Amino acid sequence: SLVIFQASFTDEGEIKCTATNRAGH
């Protein structure tokens, strides 16, 4: 999980999550 406390307009944008191991991405 990603939690942003007291979110403001500067937090707007693309949020990306990646999972990587030797078998793939």
PDB file of all heavy atoms in Angstrom:
ATOM      1  N   SER A   1       0.835  -1.197   0.000  1.00  0.00           N
ATOM      2  CA  SER A   1       0.000   0.000   0.000  1.00  0.00           C
ATOM      3  C   SER A   1       0.875   1.253   0.000  1.00  0.00           C
ATOM      4  O   SER A   1       1.996   1.254   0.499  1.00  0.00           O
ATOM      5  CB  SER A   1      -0.934   0.023   1.211  1.00  0.00           C
ATOM      6  OG  SER A   1      -0.183   0.149   2.399  1.00  0.00           O
ATOM      7  N   LEU A   2       0.317   2.293  -0.599  1.00  0.00           N
ATOM      8  CA  LEU A   2       0.897   3.634  -0.562  1.00  0.00           C
ATOM      9  C   LEU A   2      -0.164   4.533   0.046  1.00  0.00           C
ATOM     10  O   LEU A   2      -1.284   4.607  -0.470  1.00  0.00           O
ATOM     11  CB  LEU A   2       1.252   4.128  -1.967  1.00  0.00           C
ATOM     12  CG  LEU A   2       1.528   5.636  -2.102  1.00  0.00           C
ATOM     13  CD1 LEU A   2       2.779   6.028  -1.318  1.00  0.00           C
ATOM     14  CD2 LEU A   2       1.678   6.030  -3.561  1.00  0.00           C
ATOM     15  N   VAL A   3       0.167   5.199   1.158  1.00  0.00           N
ATOM     16  CA  VAL A   3      -0.763   6.126   1.804  1.00  0.00           C
ATOM     17  C   VAL A   3      -0.140   7.513   1.755  1.00  0.00           C
ATOM     18  O   VAL A   3       1.022   7.697   2.145  1.00  0.00           O
ATOM     19  CB  VAL A   3      -1.044   5.724   3.268  1.00  0.00           C
ATOM     20  CG1 VAL A   3      -1.988   6.728   3.924  1.00  0.00           C
ATOM     21  CG2 VAL A   3      -1.613   4.314   3.341  1.00  0.00           C
ATOM     22  N   ILE A   4      -0.909   8.497   1.256  1.00  0.00           N
ATOM     23  CA  ILE A   4      -0.480   9.898   1.227  1.00  0.00           C
ATOM     24  C   ILE A   4      -1.328  10.630   2.259  1.00  0.00           C
ATOM     25  O   ILE A   4      -2.545  10.693   2.128  1.00  0.00           O
ATOM     26  CB  ILE A   4      -0.667  10.524  -0.173  1.00  0.00           C
ATOM     27  CG1 ILE A   4       0.103   9.723  -1.221  1.00  0.00           C
ATOM     28  CG2 ILE A   4      -0.229  11.987  -0.161  1.00  0.00           C
ATOM     29  CD1 ILE A   4      -0.181  10.153  -2.652  1.00  0.00           C
ATOM     30  N   PHE A   5      -0.670  11.144   3.301  1.00  0.00           N
ATOM     31  CA  PHE A   5      -1.369  11.879   4.349  1.00  0.00           C
ATOM     32  C   PHE A   5      -1.508  13.340   3.938  1.00  0.00           C
ATOM     33  O   PHE A   5      -0.604  13.911   3.344  1.00  0.00           O
ATOM     34  CB  PHE A   5      -0.597  11.783   5.671  1.00  0.00           C
ATOM     35  CG  PHE A   5      -0.403  10.372   6.126  1.00  0.00           C
ATOM     36  CD1 PHE A   5       0.799   9.721   5.914  1.00  0.00           C
ATOM     37  CD2 PHE A   5      -1.427   9.675   6.753  1.00  0.00           C
ATOM     38  CE1 PHE A   5       0.985   8.411   6.331  1.00  0.00           C
ATOM     39  CE2 PHE A   5      -1.251   8.372   7.172  1.00  0.00           C
ATOM     40  CZ  PHE A   5      -0.043   7.732   6.959  1.00  0.00           C
ATOM     41  N   GLN A   6      -2.612  13.968   4.270  1.00  0.00           N
ATOM     42  CA  GLN A   6      -2.865  15.385   3.962  1.00  0.00           C
ATOM     43  C   GLN A   6      -2.535  15.686   2.498  1.00  0.00           C
ATOM     44  O   GLN A   6      -1.724  16.565   2.191  1.00  0.00           O
ATOM     45  CB  GLN A   6      -2.057  16.290   4.886  1.00  0.00           C
ATOM     46  CG  GLN A   6      -2.468  16.137   6.338  1.00  0.00           C
ATOM     47  CD  GLN A   6      -1.634  16.991   7.268  1.00  0.00           C
ATOM     48  OE1 GLN A   6      -0.459  17.217   7.052  1.00  0.00           O
ATOM     49  NE2 GLN A   6      -2.257  17.457   8.330  1.00  0.00           N
ATOM     50  N   ALA A   7      -3.148  14.930   1.607  1.00  0.00           N
ATOM     51  CA  ALA A   7      -2.891  15.081   0.169  1.00  0.00           C
ATOM     52  C   ALA A   7      -3.176  16.507  -0.280  1.00  0.00           C
ATOM     53  O   ALA A   7      -4.136  17.132   0.171  1.00  0.00           O
ATOM     54  CB  ALA A   7      -3.746  14.097  -0.621  1.00  0.00           C
ATOM     55  N   SER A   8      -2.305  17.021  -1.149  1.00  0.00           N
ATOM     56  CA  SER A   8      -2.496  18.358  -1.710  1.00  0.00           C
ATOM     57  C   SER A   8      -2.424  18.252  -3.229  1.00  0.00           C
ATOM     58  O   SER A   8      -2.049  17.216  -3.779  1.00  0.00           O
ATOM     59  CB  SER A   8      -1.431  19.321  -1.187  1.00  0.00           C
ATOM     60  OG  SER A   8      -0.169  18.990  -1.738  1.00  0.00           O
ATOM     61  N   PHE A   9      -2.747  19.366  -3.907  1.00  0.00           N
ATOM     62  CA  PHE A   9      -2.759  19.332  -5.368  1.00  0.00           C
ATOM     63  C   PHE A   9      -1.381  19.048  -5.958  1.00  0.00           C
ATOM     64  O   PHE A   9      -1.271  18.596  -7.084  1.00  0.00           O
ATOM     65  CB  PHE A   9      -3.353  20.625  -5.927  1.00  0.00           C
ATOM     66  CG  PHE A   9      -4.842  20.703  -5.746  1.00  0.00           C
ATOM     67  CD1 PHE A   9      -5.404  21.600  -4.867  1.00  0.00           C
ATOM     68  CD2 PHE A   9      -5.679  19.850  -6.440  1.00  0.00           C
ATOM     69  CE1 PHE A   9      -6.777  21.647  -4.683  1.00  0.00           C
ATOM     70  CE2 PHE A   9      -7.049  19.887  -6.267  1.00  0.00           C
ATOM     71  CZ  PHE A   9      -7.606  20.791  -5.383  1.00  0.00           C
ATOM     72  N   THR A  10      -0.306  19.267  -5.182  1.00  0.00           N
ATOM     73  CA  THR A  10       1.031  18.928  -5.693  1.00  0.00           C
ATOM     74  C   THR A  10       1.235  17.414  -5.769  1.00  0.00           C
ATOM     75  O   THR A  10       2.191  16.961  -6.385  1.00  0.00           O
ATOM     76  CB  THR A  10       2.140  19.560  -4.820  1.00  0.00           C
ATOM     77  OG1 THR A  10       1.968  19.123  -3.477  1.00  0.00           O
ATOM     78  CG2 THR A  10       2.086  21.079  -4.876  1.00  0.00           C
ATOM     79  N   ASP A  11       0.350  16.640  -5.140  1.00  0.00           N
ATOM     80  CA  ASP A  11       0.446  15.174  -5.209  1.00  0.00           C
ATOM     81  C   ASP A  11      -0.214  14.606  -6.463  1.00  0.00           C
ATOM     82  O   ASP A  11      -0.092  13.417  -6.739  1.00  0.00           O
ATOM     83  CB  ASP A  11      -0.205  14.539  -3.970  1.00  0.00           C
ATOM     84  CG  ASP A  11       0.541  14.870  -2.691  1.00  0.00           C
ATOM     85  OD1 ASP A  11       1.782  14.826  -2.706  1.00  0.00           O
ATOM     86  OD2 ASP A  11      -0.124  15.186  -1.684  1.00  0.00           O
ATOM     87  N   GLU A  12      -0.937  15.447  -7.217  1.00  0.00           N
ATOM     88  CA  GLU A  12      -1.585  14.956  -8.421  1.00  0.00           C
ATOM     89  C   GLU A  12      -0.554  14.468  -9.429  1.00  0.00           C
ATOM     90  O   GLU A  12       0.542  15.026  -9.520  1.00  0.00           O
ATOM     91  CB  GLU A  12      -2.431  16.062  -9.064  1.00  0.00           C
ATOM     92  CG  GLU A  12      -3.672  16.406  -8.281  1.00  0.00           C
ATOM     93  CD  GLU A  12      -4.572  17.388  -9.005  1.00  0.00           C
ATOM     94  OE1 GLU A  12      -4.072  18.198  -9.802  1.00  0.00           O
ATOM     95  OE2 GLU A  12      -5.775  17.327  -8.774  1.00  0.00           O
ATOM     96  N   GLY A  13      -0.911  13.440 -10.181  1.00  0.00           N
ATOM     97  CA  GLY A  13      -0.027  12.926 -11.220  1.00  0.00           C
ATOM     98  C   GLY A  13      -0.192  11.432 -11.380  1.00  0.00           C
ATOM     99  O   GLY A  13      -1.159  10.838 -10.889  1.00  0.00           O
ATOM    100  N   GLU A  14       0.775  10.812 -12.058  1.00  0.00           N
ATOM    101  CA  GLU A  14       0.715   9.369 -12.300  1.00  0.00           C
ATOM    102  C   GLU A  14       1.351   8.617 -11.137  1.00  0.00           C
ATOM    103  O   GLU A  14       2.500   8.862 -10.780  1.00  0.00           O
ATOM    104  CB  GLU A  14       1.465   9.021 -13.586  1.00  0.00           C
ATOM    105  CG  GLU A  14       1.421   7.528 -13.888  1.00  0.00           C
ATOM    106  CD  GLU A  14       2.296   7.149 -15.068  1.00  0.00           C
ATOM    107  OE1 GLU A  14       3.528   7.078 -14.893  1.00  0.00           O
ATOM    108  OE2 GLU A  14       1.735   6.928 -16.148  1.00  0.00           O
ATOM    109  N   ILE A  15       0.590   7.707 -10.547  1.00  0.00           N
ATOM    110  CA  ILE A  15       1.087   6.821  -9.496  1.00  0.00           C
ATOM    111  C   ILE A  15       1.264   5.452 -10.136  1.00  0.00           C
ATOM    112  O   ILE A  15       0.351   4.941 -10.789  1.00  0.00           O
ATOM    113  CB  ILE A  15       0.099   6.738  -8.307  1.00  0.00           C
ATOM    114  CG1 ILE A  15      -0.210   8.121  -7.745  1.00  0.00           C
ATOM    115  CG2 ILE A  15       0.639   5.793  -7.245  1.00  0.00           C
ATOM    116  CD1 ILE A  15       0.951   8.850  -7.129  1.00  0.00           C
ATOM    117  N   LYS A  16       2.458   4.877  -9.950  1.00  0.00           N
ATOM    118  CA  LYS A  16       2.766   3.595 -10.588  1.00  0.00           C
ATOM    119  C   LYS A  16       3.308   2.643  -9.528  1.00  0.00           C
ATOM    120  O   LYS A  16       4.059   3.058  -8.648  1.00  0.00           O
ATOM    121  CB  LYS A  16       3.796   3.823 -11.695  1.00  0.00           C
ATOM    122  CG  LYS A  16       4.261   2.568 -12.408  1.00  0.00           C
ATOM    123  CD  LYS A  16       5.095   2.896 -13.629  1.00  0.00           C
ATOM    124  CE  LYS A  16       6.496   3.287 -13.273  1.00  0.00           C
ATOM    125  NZ  LYS A  16       7.382   3.422 -14.439  1.00  0.00           N
ATOM    126  N   CYS A  17       2.933   1.382  -9.626  1.00  0.00           N
ATOM    127  CA  CYS A  17       3.462   0.342  -8.748  1.00  0.00           C
ATOM    128  C   CYS A  17       4.042  -0.755  -9.624  1.00  0.00           C
ATOM    129  O   CYS A  17       3.418  -1.180 -10.601  1.00  0.00           O
ATOM    130  CB  CYS A  17       2.348  -0.219  -7.862  1.00  0.00           C
ATOM    131  SG  CYS A  17       2.943  -1.471  -6.695  1.00  0.00           S
ATOM    132  N   THR A  18       5.267  -1.182  -9.288  1.00  0.00           N
ATOM    133  CA  THR A  18       5.910  -2.257 -10.051  1.00  0.00           C
ATOM    134  C   THR A  18       6.222  -3.432  -9.117  1.00  0.00           C
ATOM    135  O   THR A  18       6.518  -3.236  -7.941  1.00  0.00           O
ATOM    136  CB  THR A  18       7.229  -1.786 -10.708  1.00  0.00           C
ATOM    137  OG1 THR A  18       8.161  -1.438  -9.689  1.00  0.00           O
ATOM    138  CG2 THR A  18       7.000  -0.599 -11.627  1.00  0.00           C
ATOM    139  N   ALA A  19       6.140  -4.632  -9.662  1.00  0.00           N
ATOM    140  CA  ALA A  19       6.540  -5.853  -8.957  1.00  0.00           C
ATOM    141  C   ALA A  19       7.535  -6.575  -9.863  1.00  0.00           C
ATOM    142  O   ALA A  19       7.233  -6.847 -11.024  1.00  0.00           O
ATOM    143  CB  ALA A  19       5.330  -6.735  -8.670  1.00  0.00           C
ATOM    144  N   THR A  20       8.730  -6.856  -9.338  1.00  0.00           N
ATOM    145  CA  THR A  20       9.797  -7.424 -10.160  1.00  0.00           C
ATOM    146  C   THR A  20      10.475  -8.581  -9.433  1.00  0.00           C
ATOM    147  O   THR A  20      10.822  -8.465  -8.255  1.00  0.00           O
ATOM    148  CB  THR A  20      10.874  -6.343 -10.465  1.00  0.00           C
ATOM    149  OG1 THR A  20      10.230  -5.191 -11.000  1.00  0.00           O
ATOM    150  CG2 THR A  20      11.904  -6.855 -11.452  1.00  0.00           C
ATOM    151  N   ASN A  21      10.643  -9.694 -10.146  1.00  0.00           N
ATOM    152  CA  ASN A  21      11.520 -10.772  -9.674  1.00  0.00           C
ATOM    153  C   ASN A  21      12.271 -11.309 -10.889  1.00  0.00           C
ATOM    154  O   ASN A  21      12.115 -10.784 -11.998  1.00  0.00           O
ATOM    155  CB  ASN A  21      10.742 -11.859  -8.920  1.00  0.00           C
ATOM    156  CG  ASN A  21       9.774 -12.632  -9.795  1.00  0.00           C
ATOM    157  OD1 ASN A  21       9.810 -12.541 -11.027  1.00  0.00           O
ATOM    158  ND2 ASN A  21       8.891 -13.386  -9.158  1.00  0.00           N
ATOM    159  N   ARG A  22      13.080 -12.341 -10.706  1.00  0.00           N
ATOM    160  CA  ARG A  22      13.901 -12.799 -11.836  1.00  0.00           C
ATOM    161  C   ARG A  22      13.083 -13.442 -12.941  1.00  0.00           C
ATOM    162  O   ARG A  22      13.548 -13.584 -14.060  1.00  0.00           O
ATOM    163  CB  ARG A  22      15.022 -13.723 -11.354  1.00  0.00           C
ATOM    164  CG  ARG A  22      14.577 -15.033 -10.800  1.00  0.00           C
ATOM    165  CD  ARG A  22      15.787 -15.910 -10.478  1.00  0.00           C
ATOM    166  NE  ARG A  22      15.380 -17.162  -9.902  1.00  0.00           N
ATOM    167  CZ  ARG A  22      15.489 -17.459  -8.618  1.00  0.00           C
ATOM    168  NH1 ARG A  22      16.004 -16.586  -7.784  1.00  0.00           N
ATOM    169  NH2 ARG A  22      15.082 -18.631  -8.168  1.00  0.00           N
ATOM    170  N   ALA A  23      11.816 -13.755 -12.642  1.00  0.00           N
ATOM    171  CA  ALA A  23      10.950 -14.355 -13.659  1.00  0.00           C
ATOM    172  C   ALA A  23      10.215 -13.306 -14.500  1.00  0.00           C
ATOM    173  O   ALA A  23       9.692 -13.629 -15.554  1.00  0.00           O
ATOM    174  CB  ALA A  23       9.939 -15.292 -12.997  1.00  0.00           C
ATOM    175  N   GLY A  24      10.186 -12.034 -14.010  1.00  0.00           N
ATOM    176  CA  GLY A  24       9.465 -11.041 -14.802  1.00  0.00           C
ATOM    177  C   GLY A  24       9.194  -9.753 -14.060  1.00  0.00           C
ATOM    178  O   GLY A  24       9.707  -9.503 -12.968  1.00  0.00           O
ATOM    179  N   HIS A  25       8.327  -8.951 -14.698  1.00  0.00           N
ATOM    180  CA  HIS A  25       8.065  -7.587 -14.240  1.00  0.00           C
ATOM    181  C   HIS A  25       6.601  -7.266 -14.525  1.00  0.00           C
ATOM    182  O   HIS A  25       6.108  -7.546 -15.611  1.00  0.00           O
ATOM    183  CB  HIS A  25       8.993  -6.646 -15.022  1.00  0.00           C
ATOM    184  CG  HIS A  25       8.881  -5.202 -14.660  1.00  0.00           C
ATOM    185  ND1 HIS A  25       9.395  -4.693 -13.497  1.00  0.00           N
ATOM    186  CD2 HIS A  25       8.330  -4.159 -15.316  1.00  0.00           C
ATOM    187  CE1 HIS A  25       9.170  -3.384 -13.455  1.00  0.00           C
ATOM    188  NE2 HIS A  25       8.517  -3.039 -14.554  1.00  0.00           N
TER     189      HIS A  25
END
